[in-house]
PDB file of N, CA and C in Angstrom:
ATOM      1  N   MET A   1     160.708  88.423 133.162  1.00  0.00           N
ATOM      2  CA  MET A   1     159.550  88.082 133.940  1.00  0.00           C
ATOM      3  C   MET A   1     158.648  89.346 133.935  1.00  0.00           C
ATOM      4  N   ASN A   2     157.424  89.178 133.525  1.00  0.00           N
ATOM      5  CA  ASN A   2     156.556  90.336 133.523  1.00  0.00           C
ATOM      6  C   ASN A   2     155.826  90.462 134.789  1.00  0.00           C
ATOM      7  N   TRP A   3     155.094  91.476 134.896  1.00  0.00           N
ATOM      8  CA  TRP A   3     154.379  91.779 136.129  1.00  0.00           C
ATOM      9  C   TRP A   3     153.381  90.739 136.550  1.00  0.00           C
ATOM     10  N   LYS A   4     152.725  90.042 135.606  1.00  0.00           N
ATOM     11  CA  LYS A   4     151.738  88.979 135.883  1.00  0.00           C
ATOM     12  C   LYS A   4     152.414  87.823 136.527  1.00  0.00           C
ATOM     13  N   GLU A   5     153.565  87.410 135.934  1.00  0.00           N
ATOM     14  CA  GLU A   5     154.378  86.338 136.596  1.00  0.00           C
ATOM     15  C   GLU A   5     154.847  86.693 137.917  1.00  0.00           C
ATOM     16  N   ALA A   6     155.195  87.849 138.207  1.00  0.00           N
ATOM     17  CA  ALA A   6     155.621  88.349 139.483  1.00  0.00           C
ATOM     18  C   ALA A   6     154.496  88.369 140.487  1.00  0.00           C
ATOM     19  N   VAL A   7     153.302  88.769 140.055  1.00  0.00           N
ATOM     20  CA  VAL A   7     152.101  88.666 140.978  1.00  0.00           C
ATOM     21  C   VAL A   7     151.834  87.197 141.318  1.00  0.00           C
ATOM     22  N   ILE A   8     151.849  86.406 140.251  1.00  0.00           N
ATOM     23  CA  ILE A   8     151.551  84.880 140.502  1.00  0.00           C
ATOM     24  C   ILE A   8     152.589  84.320 141.467  1.00  0.00           C
ATOM     25  N   ALA A   9     153.847  84.668 141.250  1.00  0.00           N
ATOM     26  CA  ALA A   9     154.923  84.127 142.096  1.00  0.00           C
ATOM     27  C   ALA A   9     154.749  84.606 143.546  1.00  0.00           C
ATOM     28  N   ALA A  10     154.390  85.860 143.640  1.00  0.00           N
ATOM     29  CA  ALA A  10     154.112  86.521 145.019  1.00  0.00           C
ATOM     30  C   ALA A  10     152.927  85.806 145.683  1.00  0.00           C
ATOM     31  N   LEU A  11     151.902  85.525 144.927  1.00  0.00           N
ATOM     32  CA  LEU A  11     150.685  84.867 145.489  1.00  0.00           C
ATOM     33  C   LEU A  11     151.014  83.403 145.920  1.00  0.00           C
ATOM     34  N   PHE A  12     151.878  82.728 145.061  1.00  0.00           N
ATOM     35  CA  PHE A  12     152.262  81.408 145.369  1.00  0.00           C
ATOM     36  C   PHE A  12     153.078  81.347 146.608  1.00  0.00           C
ATOM     37  N   ILE A  13     154.071  82.289 146.799  1.00  0.00           N
ATOM     38  CA  ILE A  13     154.934  82.343 147.959  1.00  0.00           C
ATOM     39  C   ILE A  13     154.017  82.658 149.169  1.00  0.00           C
ATOM     40  N   THR A  14     153.131  83.570 149.033  1.00  0.00           N
ATOM     41  CA  THR A  14     152.199  83.943 150.142  1.00  0.00           C
ATOM     42  C   THR A  14     151.377  82.720 150.543  1.00  0.00           C
ATOM     43  N   ALA A  15     150.853  81.971 149.580  1.00  0.00           N
ATOM     44  CA  ALA A  15     150.039  80.840 149.866  1.00  0.00           C
ATOM     45  C   ALA A  15     150.892  79.755 150.563  1.00  0.00           C
ATOM     46  N   ALA A  16     152.101  79.525 150.084  1.00  0.00           N
ATOM     47  CA  ALA A  16     152.954  78.542 150.698  1.00  0.00           C
ATOM     48  C   ALA A  16     153.372  78.946 152.131  1.00  0.00           C
ATOM     49  N   TRP A  17     153.594  80.223 152.311  1.00  0.00           N
ATOM     50  CA  TRP A  17     153.899  80.682 153.698  1.00  0.00           C
ATOM     51  C   TRP A  17     152.703  80.556 154.572  1.00  0.00           C
ATOM     52  N   TRP A  18     151.451  80.814 154.103  1.00  0.00           N
ATOM     53  CA  TRP A  18     150.255  80.657 154.850  1.00  0.00           C
ATOM     54  C   TRP A  18     150.057  79.228 155.231  1.00  0.00           C
ATOM     55  N   ALA A  19     150.246  78.300 154.266  1.00  0.00           N
ATOM     56  CA  ALA A  19     150.048  76.879 154.519  1.00  0.00           C
ATOM     57  C   ALA A  19     151.075  76.361 155.596  1.00  0.00           C
ATOM     58  N   TYR A  20     152.348  76.785 155.517  1.00  0.00           N
ATOM     59  CA  TYR A  20     153.351  76.410 156.501  1.00  0.00           C
ATOM     60  C   TYR A  20     153.036  76.982 157.792  1.00  0.00           C
ATOM     61  N   ASP A  21     152.589  78.205 157.912  1.00  0.00           N
ATOM     62  CA  ASP A  21     152.225  78.834 159.182  1.00  0.00           C
ATOM     63  C   ASP A  21     150.994  78.082 159.816  1.00  0.00           C
ATOM     64  N   THR A  22     150.021  77.789 158.942  1.00  0.00           N
ATOM     65  CA  THR A  22     148.842  77.060 159.524  1.00  0.00           C
ATOM     66  C   THR A  22     149.295  75.707 160.041  1.00  0.00           C
ATOM     67  N   TYR A  23     150.104  74.996 159.292  1.00  0.00           N
ATOM     68  CA  TYR A  23     150.653  73.690 159.704  1.00  0.00           C
ATOM     69  C   TYR A  23     151.375  73.846 161.079  1.00  0.00           C
ATOM     70  N   ARG A  24     152.245  74.804 161.225  1.00  0.00           N
ATOM     71  CA  ARG A  24     152.972  75.026 162.425  1.00  0.00           C
ATOM     72  C   ARG A  24     152.058  75.363 163.590  1.00  0.00           C
ATOM     73  N   ASP A  25     151.018  76.219 163.335  1.00  0.00           N
ATOM     74  CA  ASP A  25     150.088  76.504 164.366  1.00  0.00           C
ATOM     75  C   ASP A  25     149.263  75.259 164.836  1.00  0.00           C
ATOM     76  N   ASN A  26     148.923  74.412 163.831  1.00  0.00           N
ATOM     77  CA  ASN A  26     148.212  73.201 164.093  1.00  0.00           C
ATOM     78  C   ASN A  26     149.081  72.251 164.960  1.00  0.00           C
ATOM     79  N   GLN A  27     150.316  72.181 164.735  1.00  0.00           N
ATOM     80  CA  GLN A  27     151.230  71.279 165.487  1.00  0.00           C
ATOM     81  C   GLN A  27     151.278  71.840 166.922  1.00  0.00           C
ATOM     82  N   GLN A  28     151.389  73.203 167.113  1.00  0.00           N
ATOM     83  CA  GLN A  28     151.495  73.810 168.400  1.00  0.00           C
ATOM     84  C   GLN A  28     150.127  73.567 169.139  1.00  0.00           C
ATOM     85  N   LEU A  29     149.040  73.651 168.479  1.00  0.00           N
ATOM     86  CA  LEU A  29     147.747  73.392 169.132  1.00  0.00           C
ATOM     87  C   LEU A  29     147.644  71.967 169.576  1.00  0.00           C
ATOM     88  N   LYS A  30     148.159  71.013 168.823  1.00  0.00           N
ATOM     89  CA  LYS A  30     148.177  69.618 169.248  1.00  0.00           C
ATOM     90  C   LYS A  30     149.032  69.448 170.541  1.00  0.00           C
ATOM     91  N   VAL A  31     150.123  70.108 170.601  1.00  0.00           N
ATOM     92  CA  VAL A  31     150.990  69.990 171.786  1.00  0.00           C
ATOM     93  C   VAL A  31     150.231  70.627 172.971  1.00  0.00           C
ATOM     94  N   ASN A  32     149.622  71.758 172.791  1.00  0.00           N
ATOM     95  CA  ASN A  32     148.905  72.484 173.830  1.00  0.00           C
ATOM     96  C   ASN A  32     147.740  71.578 174.273  1.00  0.00           C
ATOM     97  N   ASN A  33     146.987  70.917 173.350  1.00  0.00           N
ATOM     98  CA  ASN A  33     145.873  70.102 173.701  1.00  0.00           C
ATOM     99  C   ASN A  33     146.320  68.914 174.535  1.00  0.00           C
ATOM    100  N   THR A  34     147.395  68.268 174.214  1.00  0.00           N
ATOM    101  CA  THR A  34     147.927  67.141 174.941  1.00  0.00           C
ATOM    102  C   THR A  34     148.332  67.602 176.427  1.00  0.00           C
ATOM    103  N   THR A  35     148.981  68.762 176.511  1.00  0.00           N
ATOM    104  CA  THR A  35     149.348  69.261 177.819  1.00  0.00           C
ATOM    105  C   THR A  35     148.184  69.562 178.648  1.00  0.00           C
ATOM    106  N   LEU A  36     147.175  70.276 178.080  1.00  0.00           N
ATOM    107  CA  LEU A  36     145.984  70.635 178.827  1.00  0.00           C
ATOM    108  C   LEU A  36     145.142  69.432 179.171  1.00  0.00           C
ATOM    109  N   SER A  37     145.112  68.483 178.336  1.00  0.00           N
ATOM    110  CA  SER A  37     144.391  67.247 178.632  1.00  0.00           C
ATOM    111  C   SER A  37     144.997  66.515 179.913  1.00  0.00           C
ATOM    112  N   GLY A  38     146.340  66.540 179.929  1.00  0.00           N
ATOM    113  CA  GLY A  38     146.998  65.925 181.077  1.00  0.00           C
ATOM    114  C   GLY A  38     146.695  66.723 182.346  1.00  0.00           C
ATOM    115  N   GLN A  39     146.743  68.062 182.272  1.00  0.00           N
ATOM    116  CA  GLN A  39     146.416  68.884 183.424  1.00  0.00           C
ATOM    117  C   GLN A  39     145.014  68.705 183.899  1.00  0.00           C
ATOM    118  N   LEU A  40     144.035  68.630 182.967  1.00  0.00           N
ATOM    119  CA  LEU A  40     142.695  68.365 183.262  1.00  0.00           C
ATOM    120  C   LEU A  40     142.440  67.024 183.970  1.00  0.00           C
ATOM    121  N   SER A  41     143.097  66.020 183.507  1.00  0.00           N
ATOM    122  CA  SER A  41     143.012  64.689 184.149  1.00  0.00           C
ATOM    123  C   SER A  41     143.555  64.780 185.542  1.00  0.00           C
ATOM    124  N   ALA A  42     144.683  65.443 185.763  1.00  0.00           N
ATOM    125  CA  ALA A  42     145.221  65.616 187.083  1.00  0.00           C
ATOM    126  C   ALA A  42     144.279  66.344 187.991  1.00  0.00           C
ATOM    127  N   GLN A  43     143.709  67.382 187.483  1.00  0.00           N
ATOM    128  CA  GLN A  43     142.756  68.299 188.273  1.00  0.00           C
ATOM    129  C   GLN A  43     141.495  67.459 188.632  1.00  0.00           C
ATOM    130  N   GLN A  44     141.027  66.638 187.709  1.00  0.00           N
ATOM    131  CA  GLN A  44     139.833  65.831 187.974  1.00  0.00           C
ATOM    132  C   GLN A  44     140.164  64.752 189.058  1.00  0.00           C
ATOM    133  N   THR A  45     141.326  64.193 189.000  1.00  0.00           N
ATOM    134  CA  THR A  45     141.750  63.249 190.037  1.00  0.00           C
ATOM    135  C   THR A  45     141.785  63.907 191.392  1.00  0.00           C
ATOM    136  N   ILE A  46     142.373  65.116 191.521  1.00  0.00           N
ATOM    137  CA  ILE A  46     142.464  65.854 192.704  1.00  0.00           C
ATOM    138  C   ILE A  46     141.033  66.136 193.246  1.00  0.00           C
ATOM    139  N   ASN A  47     140.161  66.571 192.349  1.00  0.00           N
ATOM    140  CA  ASN A  47     138.724  66.905 192.735  1.00  0.00           C
ATOM    141  C   ASN A  47     138.088  65.669 193.287  1.00  0.00           C
ATOM    142  N   THR A  48     138.241  64.455 192.644  1.00  0.00           N
ATOM    143  CA  THR A  48     137.662  63.301 193.056  1.00  0.00           C
ATOM    144  C   THR A  48     138.094  62.877 194.443  1.00  0.00           C
ATOM    145  N   ILE A  49     139.411  62.978 194.641  1.00  0.00           N
ATOM    146  CA  ILE A  49     140.001  62.602 195.931  1.00  0.00           C
ATOM    147  C   ILE A  49     139.563  63.499 197.027  1.00  0.00           C
ATOM    148  N   THR A  50     139.462  64.848 196.709  1.00  0.00           N
ATOM    149  CA  THR A  50     138.983  65.860 197.725  1.00  0.00           C
ATOM    150  C   THR A  50     137.558  65.531 198.084  1.00  0.00           C
ATOM    151  N   LEU A  51     136.689  65.313 197.052  1.00  0.00           N
ATOM    152  CA  LEU A  51     135.325  65.005 197.284  1.00  0.00           C
ATOM    153  C   LEU A  51     135.172  63.799 198.200  1.00  0.00           C
ATOM    154  N   SER A  52     135.982  62.719 197.929  1.00  0.00           N
ATOM    155  CA  SER A  52     135.906  61.591 198.766  1.00  0.00           C
ATOM    156  C   SER A  52     136.290  61.841 200.171  1.00  0.00           C
ATOM    157  N   ALA A  53     137.359  62.624 200.363  1.00  0.00           N
ATOM    158  CA  ALA A  53     137.810  63.051 201.692  1.00  0.00           C
ATOM    159  C   ALA A  53     136.703  63.823 202.494  1.00  0.00           C
ATOM    160  N   VAL A  54     136.101  64.700 201.764  1.00  0.00           N
ATOM    161  CA  VAL A  54     135.030  65.525 202.444  1.00  0.00           C
ATOM    162  C   VAL A  54     133.875  64.605 202.789  1.00  0.00           C
ATOM    163  N   ALA A  55     133.490  63.675 201.874  1.00  0.00           N
ATOM    164  CA  ALA A  55     132.338  62.780 202.177  1.00  0.00           C
ATOM    165  C   ALA A  55     132.718  61.860 203.351  1.00  0.00           C
ATOM    166  N   ILE A  56     133.926  61.359 203.482  1.00  0.00           N
ATOM    167  CA  ILE A  56     134.352  60.557 204.575  1.00  0.00           C
ATOM    168  C   ILE A  56     134.276  61.321 205.884  1.00  0.00           C
ATOM    169  N   ARG A  57     134.819  62.521 205.836  1.00  0.00           N
ATOM    170  CA  ARG A  57     134.802  63.387 207.053  1.00  0.00           C
ATOM    171  C   ARG A  57     133.365  63.671 207.512  1.00  0.00           C
ATOM    172  N   HIS A  58     132.511  63.951 206.512  1.00  0.00           N
ATOM    173  CA  HIS A  58     131.168  64.230 206.826  1.00  0.00           C
ATOM    174  C   HIS A  58     130.492  63.010 207.472  1.00  0.00           C
ATOM    175  N   ARG A  59     130.722  61.789 206.882  1.00  0.00           N
ATOM    176  CA  ARG A  59     130.192  60.609 207.441  1.00  0.00           C
ATOM    177  C   ARG A  59     130.651  60.329 208.856  1.00  0.00           C
ATOM    178  N   ALA A  60     131.935  60.601 209.049  1.00  0.00           N
ATOM    179  CA  ALA A  60     132.529  60.355 210.424  1.00  0.00           C
ATOM    180  C   ALA A  60     131.876  61.358 211.430  1.00  0.00           C
ATOM    181  N   ALA A  61     131.667  62.588 210.992  1.00  0.00           N
ATOM    182  CA  ALA A  61     131.009  63.593 211.871  1.00  0.00           C
ATOM    183  C   ALA A  61     129.642  63.202 212.236  1.00  0.00           C
ATOM    184  N   LEU A  62     128.832  62.657 211.234  1.00  0.00           N
ATOM    185  CA  LEU A  62     127.527  62.271 211.538  1.00  0.00           C
ATOM    186  C   LEU A  62     127.501  61.058 212.471  1.00  0.00           C
ATOM    187  N   ASP A  63     128.475  60.111 212.252  1.00  0.00           N
ATOM    188  CA  ASP A  63     128.587  58.958 213.117  1.00  0.00           C
ATOM    189  C   ASP A  63     128.909  59.394 214.512  1.00  0.00           C
ATOM    190  N   ASN A  64     129.731  60.376 214.704  1.00  0.00           N
ATOM    191  CA  ASN A  64     130.106  60.891 215.996  1.00  0.00           C
ATOM    192  C   ASN A  64     128.909  61.554 216.697  1.00  0.00           C
ATOM    193  N   ILE A  65     128.145  62.252 215.932  1.00  0.00           N
ATOM    194  CA  ILE A  65     126.956  62.867 216.480  1.00  0.00           C
ATOM    195  C   ILE A  65     125.942  61.823 216.938  1.00  0.00           C
ATOM    196  N   LYS A  66     125.788  60.783 216.092  1.00  0.00           N
ATOM    197  CA  LYS A  66     124.813  59.709 216.419  1.00  0.00           C
ATOM    198  C   LYS A  66     125.346  58.980 217.714  1.00  0.00           C
ATOM    199  N   ALA A  67     126.617  58.689 217.841  1.00  0.00           N
ATOM    200  CA  ALA A  67     127.191  58.076 218.974  1.00  0.00           C
ATOM    201  C   ALA A  67     127.036  58.893 220.159  1.00  0.00           C
ATOM    202  N   LYS A  68     127.243  60.156 220.062  1.00  0.00           N
ATOM    203  CA  LYS A  68     127.038  61.130 221.227  1.00  0.00           C
ATOM    204  C   LYS A  68     125.638  61.072 221.748  1.00  0.00           C
ATOM    205  N   ARG A  69     124.655  61.043 220.779  1.00  0.00           N
ATOM    206  CA  ARG A  69     123.289  61.093 221.171  1.00  0.00           C
ATOM    207  C   ARG A  69     122.947  59.744 221.878  1.00  0.00           C
ATOM    208  N   ALA A  70     123.416  58.673 221.333  1.00  0.00           N
ATOM    209  CA  ALA A  70     123.156  57.340 221.962  1.00  0.00           C
ATOM    210  C   ALA A  70     123.814  57.313 223.351  1.00  0.00           C
ATOM    211  N   GLU A  71     125.048  57.866 223.501  1.00  0.00           N
ATOM    212  CA  GLU A  71     125.706  57.867 224.798  1.00  0.00           C
ATOM    213  C   GLU A  71     124.874  58.773 225.807  1.00  0.00           C
ATOM    214  N   ASP A  72     124.415  59.903 225.318  1.00  0.00           N
ATOM    215  CA  ASP A  72     123.617  60.746 226.228  1.00  0.00           C
ATOM    216  C   ASP A  72     122.375  60.032 226.709  1.00  0.00           C
ATOM    217  N   THR A  73     121.678  59.345 225.700  1.00  0.00           N
ATOM    218  CA  THR A  73     120.476  58.606 226.067  1.00  0.00           C
ATOM    219  C   THR A  73     120.784  57.547 227.094  1.00  0.00           C
ATOM    220  N   GLU A  74     121.894  56.753 226.830  1.00  0.00           N
ATOM    221  CA  GLU A  74     122.244  55.730 227.722  1.00  0.00           C
ATOM    222  C   GLU A  74     122.601  56.287 229.130  1.00  0.00           C
ATOM    223  N   HIS A  75     123.273  57.444 229.128  1.00  0.00           N
ATOM    224  CA  HIS A  75     123.696  58.077 230.374  1.00  0.00           C
ATOM    225  C   HIS A  75     122.449  58.509 231.230  1.00  0.00           C
ATOM    226  N   VAL A  76     121.355  58.963 230.535  1.00  0.00           N
ATOM    227  CA  VAL A  76     120.130  59.321 231.281  1.00  0.00           C
ATOM    228  C   VAL A  76     119.507  58.091 231.832  1.00  0.00           C
ATOM    229  N   LYS A  77     119.549  56.952 231.019  1.00  0.00           N
ATOM    230  CA  LYS A  77     119.007  55.707 231.598  1.00  0.00           C
ATOM    231  C   LYS A  77     119.728  55.226 232.810  1.00  0.00           C
ATOM    232  N   VAL A  78     121.075  55.227 232.716  1.00  0.00           N
ATOM    233  CA  VAL A  78     121.896  54.758 233.846  1.00  0.00           C
ATOM    234  C   VAL A  78     121.675  55.703 235.040  1.00  0.00           C
ATOM    235  N   LYS A  79     121.547  56.946 234.813  1.00  0.00           N
ATOM    236  CA  LYS A  79     121.308  57.903 235.887  1.00  0.00           C
ATOM    237  C   LYS A  79     119.936  57.605 236.584  1.00  0.00           C
ATOM    238  N   THR A  80     118.979  57.273 235.724  1.00  0.00           N
ATOM    239  CA  THR A  80     117.681  56.864 236.295  1.00  0.00           C
ATOM    240  C   THR A  80     117.680  55.690 237.135  1.00  0.00           C
ATOM    241  N   VAL A  81     118.497  54.670 236.643  1.00  0.00           N
ATOM    242  CA  VAL A  81     118.651  53.380 237.347  1.00  0.00           C
ATOM    243  C   VAL A  81     119.322  53.651 238.673  1.00  0.00           C
ATOM    244  N   ILE A  82     120.402  54.430 238.686  1.00  0.00           N
ATOM    245  CA  ILE A  82     121.086  54.754 239.882  1.00  0.00           C
ATOM    246  C   ILE A  82     120.185  55.524 240.925  1.00  0.00           C
ATOM    247  N   LYS A  83     119.416  56.442 240.429  1.00  0.00           N
ATOM    248  CA  LYS A  83     118.517  57.215 241.308  1.00  0.00           C
ATOM    249  C   LYS A  83     117.538  56.236 241.871  1.00  0.00           C
ATOM    250  N   THR A  84     117.016  55.343 241.144  1.00  0.00           N
ATOM    251  CA  THR A  84     115.968  54.378 241.603  1.00  0.00           C
ATOM    252  C   THR A  84     116.657  53.470 242.562  1.00  0.00           C
ATOM    253  N   VAL A  85     117.790  52.975 242.381  1.00  0.00           N
ATOM    254  CA  VAL A  85     118.485  52.016 243.330  1.00  0.00           C
ATOM    255  C   VAL A  85     118.748  52.787 244.656  1.00  0.00           C
ATOM    256  N   PHE A  86     119.231  54.028 244.538  1.00  0.00           N
ATOM    257  CA  PHE A  86     119.678  54.701 245.817  1.00  0.00           C
ATOM    258  C   PHE A  86     118.543  55.571 246.327  1.00  0.00           C
ATOM    259  N   LYS A  87     117.346  55.382 245.877  1.00  0.00           N
ATOM    260  CA  LYS A  87     116.274  56.324 246.239  1.00  0.00           C
ATOM    261  C   LYS A  87     116.087  56.453 247.672  1.00  0.00           C
ATOM    262  N   ASP A  88     115.969  55.391 248.473  1.00  0.00           N
ATOM    263  CA  ASP A  88     115.732  55.439 249.929  1.00  0.00           C
ATOM    264  C   ASP A  88     116.902  54.990 250.762  1.00  0.00           C
ATOM    265  N   SER A  89     118.133  55.031 250.184  1.00  0.00           N
ATOM    266  CA  SER A  89     119.276  54.536 250.997  1.00  0.00           C
ATOM    267  C   SER A  89     120.231  55.620 251.382  1.00  0.00           C
ATOM    268  N   GLU A  90     120.983  55.420 252.365  1.00  0.00           N
ATOM    269  CA  GLU A  90     121.994  56.411 252.816  1.00  0.00           C
ATOM    270  C   GLU A  90     123.314  55.995 252.135  1.00  0.00           C
ATOM    271  N   CYS A  91     123.670  56.749 251.151  1.00  0.00           N
ATOM    272  CA  CYS A  91     124.831  56.480 250.301  1.00  0.00           C
ATOM    273  C   CYS A  91     126.191  56.353 251.053  1.00  0.00           C
ATOM    274  N   ALA A  92     126.306  57.233 252.024  1.00  0.00           N
ATOM    275  CA  ALA A  92     127.580  57.311 252.742  1.00  0.00           C
ATOM    276  C   ALA A  92     127.919  56.164 253.635  1.00  0.00           C
ATOM    277  N   VAL A  93     126.824  55.559 254.127  1.00  0.00           N
ATOM    278  CA  VAL A  93     127.084  54.369 255.080  1.00  0.00           C
ATOM    279  C   VAL A  93     126.652  53.082 254.462  1.00  0.00           C
ATOM    280  N   ALA A  94     125.901  53.029 253.458  1.00  0.00           N
ATOM    281  CA  ALA A  94     125.376  51.770 252.946  1.00  0.00           C
ATOM    282  C   ALA A  94     126.302  51.285 251.792  1.00  0.00           C
ATOM    283  N   PRO A  95     126.525  50.018 251.668  1.00  0.00           N
ATOM    284  CA  PRO A  95     127.305  49.526 250.526  1.00  0.00           C
ATOM    285  C   PRO A  95     126.556  49.719 249.292  1.00  0.00           C
ATOM    286  N   VAL A  96     127.246  49.737 248.173  1.00  0.00           N
ATOM    287  CA  VAL A  96     126.662  49.962 246.825  1.00  0.00           C
ATOM    288  C   VAL A  96     125.884  48.720 246.494  1.00  0.00           C
ATOM    289  N   PRO A  97     124.566  48.851 246.192  1.00  0.00           N
ATOM    290  CA  PRO A  97     123.827  47.641 245.785  1.00  0.00           C
ATOM    291  C   PRO A  97     124.409  46.981 244.535  1.00  0.00           C
ATOM    292  N   ALA A  98     124.237  45.695 244.542  1.00  0.00           N
ATOM    293  CA  ALA A  98     124.752  44.840 243.425  1.00  0.00           C
ATOM    294  C   ALA A  98     124.141  45.251 242.053  1.00  0.00           C
ATOM    295  N   ASP A  99     122.865  45.659 242.129  1.00  0.00           N
ATOM    296  CA  ASP A  99     122.201  46.088 240.833  1.00  0.00           C
ATOM    297  C   ASP A  99     122.942  47.273 240.229  1.00  0.00           C
ATOM    298  N   ALA A 100     123.292  48.232 241.117  1.00  0.00           N
ATOM    299  CA  ALA A 100     123.972  49.430 240.582  1.00  0.00           C
ATOM    300  C   ALA A 100     125.350  49.099 240.076  1.00  0.00           C
ATOM    301  N   VAL A 101     126.061  48.255 240.834  1.00  0.00           N
ATOM    302  CA  VAL A 101     127.378  47.931 240.381  1.00  0.00           C
ATOM    303  C   VAL A 101     127.339  47.205 239.009  1.00  0.00           C
ATOM    304  N   SER A 102     126.452  46.266 238.816  1.00  0.00           N
ATOM    305  CA  SER A 102     126.353  45.590 237.543  1.00  0.00           C
ATOM    306  C   SER A 102     125.953  46.517 236.400  1.00  0.00           C
ATOM    307  N   GLU A 103     125.018  47.418 236.715  1.00  0.00           N
ATOM    308  CA  GLU A 103     124.590  48.383 235.690  1.00  0.00           C
ATOM    309  C   GLU A 103     125.758  49.298 235.341  1.00  0.00           C
ATOM    310  N   LEU A 104     126.567  49.797 236.277  1.00  0.00           N
ATOM    311  CA  LEU A 104     127.703  50.659 236.046  1.00  0.00           C
ATOM    312  C   LEU A 104     128.778  49.848 235.233  1.00  0.00           C
ATOM    313  N   ARG A 105     128.991  48.625 235.609  1.00  0.00           N
ATOM    314  CA  ARG A 105     129.993  47.828 234.859  1.00  0.00           C
ATOM    315  C   ARG A 105     129.511  47.609 233.337  1.00  0.00           C
ATOM    316  N   ARG A 106     128.229  47.401 233.165  1.00  0.00           N
ATOM    317  CA  ARG A 106     127.715  47.204 231.840  1.00  0.00           C
ATOM    318  C   ARG A 106     127.819  48.550 231.038  1.00  0.00           C
ATOM    319  N   TYR A 107     127.532  49.644 231.666  1.00  0.00           N
ATOM    320  CA  TYR A 107     127.715  50.922 231.059  1.00  0.00           C
ATOM    321  C   TYR A 107     129.137  51.187 230.681  1.00  0.00           C
ATOM    322  N   ALA A 108     130.135  50.917 231.621  1.00  0.00           N
ATOM    323  CA  ALA A 108     131.576  51.059 231.332  1.00  0.00           C
ATOM    324  C   ALA A 108     131.964  50.161 230.180  1.00  0.00           C
ATOM    325  N   THR A 109     131.483  48.939 230.177  1.00  0.00           N
ATOM    326  CA  THR A 109     131.844  48.017 229.063  1.00  0.00           C
ATOM    327  C   THR A 109     131.381  48.556 227.710  1.00  0.00           C
ATOM    328  N   GLY A 110     130.162  49.121 227.701  1.00  0.00           N
ATOM    329  CA  GLY A 110     129.680  49.732 226.499  1.00  0.00           C
ATOM    330  C   GLY A 110     130.456  50.883 225.980  1.00  0.00           C
ATOM    331  N   ILE A 111     130.894  51.672 226.905  1.00  0.00           N
ATOM    332  CA  ILE A 111     131.744  52.865 226.581  1.00  0.00           C
ATOM    333  C   ILE A 111     133.085  52.311 226.009  1.00  0.00           C
ATOM    334  N   ASN A 112     133.701  51.394 226.695  1.00  0.00           N
ATOM    335  CA  ASN A 112     134.984  50.888 226.279  1.00  0.00           C
ATOM    336  C   ASN A 112     134.847  50.232 224.886  1.00  0.00           C
ATOM    337  N   THR A 113     133.779  49.526 224.590  1.00  0.00           N
ATOM    338  CA  THR A 113     133.562  48.927 223.299  1.00  0.00           C
ATOM    339  C   THR A 113     133.454  49.969 222.185  1.00  0.00           C
ATOM    340  N   ARG A 114     132.717  50.989 222.463  1.00  0.00           N
ATOM    341  CA  ARG A 114     132.584  52.080 221.479  1.00  0.00           C
ATOM    342  C   ARG A 114     133.934  52.836 221.261  1.00  0.00           C
ATOM    343  N   VAL A 115     134.640  52.983 222.310  1.00  0.00           N
ATOM    344  CA  VAL A 115     135.964  53.727 222.122  1.00  0.00           C
ATOM    345  C   VAL A 115     136.900  52.800 221.389  1.00  0.00           C
ATOM    346  N   SER A 116     136.979  51.535 221.693  1.00  0.00           N
ATOM    347  CA  SER A 116     137.856  50.721 220.929  1.00  0.00           C
ATOM    348  C   SER A 116     137.422  50.545 219.490  1.00  0.00           C
ATOM    349  N   GLY A 117     136.101  50.496 219.280  1.00  0.00           N
ATOM    350  CA  GLY A 117     135.599  50.442 217.866  1.00  0.00           C
ATOM    351  C   GLY A 117     135.883  51.691 217.084  1.00  0.00           C
ATOM    352  N   ALA A 118     135.839  52.834 217.747  1.00  0.00           N
ATOM    353  CA  ALA A 118     136.196  54.134 217.064  1.00  0.00           C
ATOM    354  C   ALA A 118     137.644  54.193 216.801  1.00  0.00           C
ATOM    355  N   ALA A 119     138.505  53.639 217.665  1.00  0.00           N
ATOM    356  CA  ALA A 119     139.963  53.740 217.496  1.00  0.00           C
ATOM    357  C   ALA A 119     140.376  52.836 216.363  1.00  0.00           C
ATOM    358  N   SER A 120     139.769  51.644 216.315  1.00  0.00           N
ATOM    359  CA  SER A 120     140.185  50.717 215.186  1.00  0.00           C
ATOM    360  C   SER A 120     139.605  51.264 213.823  1.00  0.00           C
ATOM    361  N   ALA A 121     138.455  51.921 213.845  1.00  0.00           N
ATOM    362  CA  ALA A 121     137.967  52.539 212.589  1.00  0.00           C
ATOM    363  C   ALA A 121     138.823  53.635 212.137  1.00  0.00           C
ATOM    364  N   ALA A 122     139.438  54.421 213.080  1.00  0.00           N
ATOM    365  CA  ALA A 122     140.342  55.490 212.737  1.00  0.00           C
ATOM    366  C   ALA A 122     141.641  54.986 212.103  1.00  0.00           C
ATOM    367  N   THR A 123     142.169  53.810 212.636  1.00  0.00           N
ATOM    368  CA  THR A 123     143.425  53.309 212.142  1.00  0.00           C
ATOM    369  C   THR A 123     143.203  52.587 210.792  1.00  0.00           C
ATOM    370  N   ASP A 124     142.028  52.167 210.534  1.00  0.00           N
ATOM    371  CA  ASP A 124     141.757  51.529 209.218  1.00  0.00           C
ATOM    372  C   ASP A 124     141.875  52.489 208.067  1.00  0.00           C
ATOM    373  N   ARG A 125     141.680  53.737 208.316  1.00  0.00           N
ATOM    374  CA  ARG A 125     141.745  54.787 207.201  1.00  0.00           C
ATOM    375  C   ARG A 125     143.260  54.873 206.854  1.00  0.00           C
TER     376      ARG A 125
END
């Protein structure tokens, strides 16, 4: 075997080794790609669930703020009605007027309805 044949054999062996190494790297990259795709999918699912949870909590907080404002407004209205009903009466000796009792019962019923509605909404989650 002369030196030209030795060089050609060496080049052929080098090319074969390079082709095998490239094939092996390609197979490893495919495995890594599959693994990373699965991890990405899991992370995207976690992000979607987290975003949904944050949105639900935000909506619940806004609903609570709105309910508190409505309750405060209703409280002022009831307070005004009570002051109007008791304006010129002696509270300690006079019986509670029927108008005030009915208004207080209506107010209590409204509060109980809101509380039971909020409790059932919390259990639905």
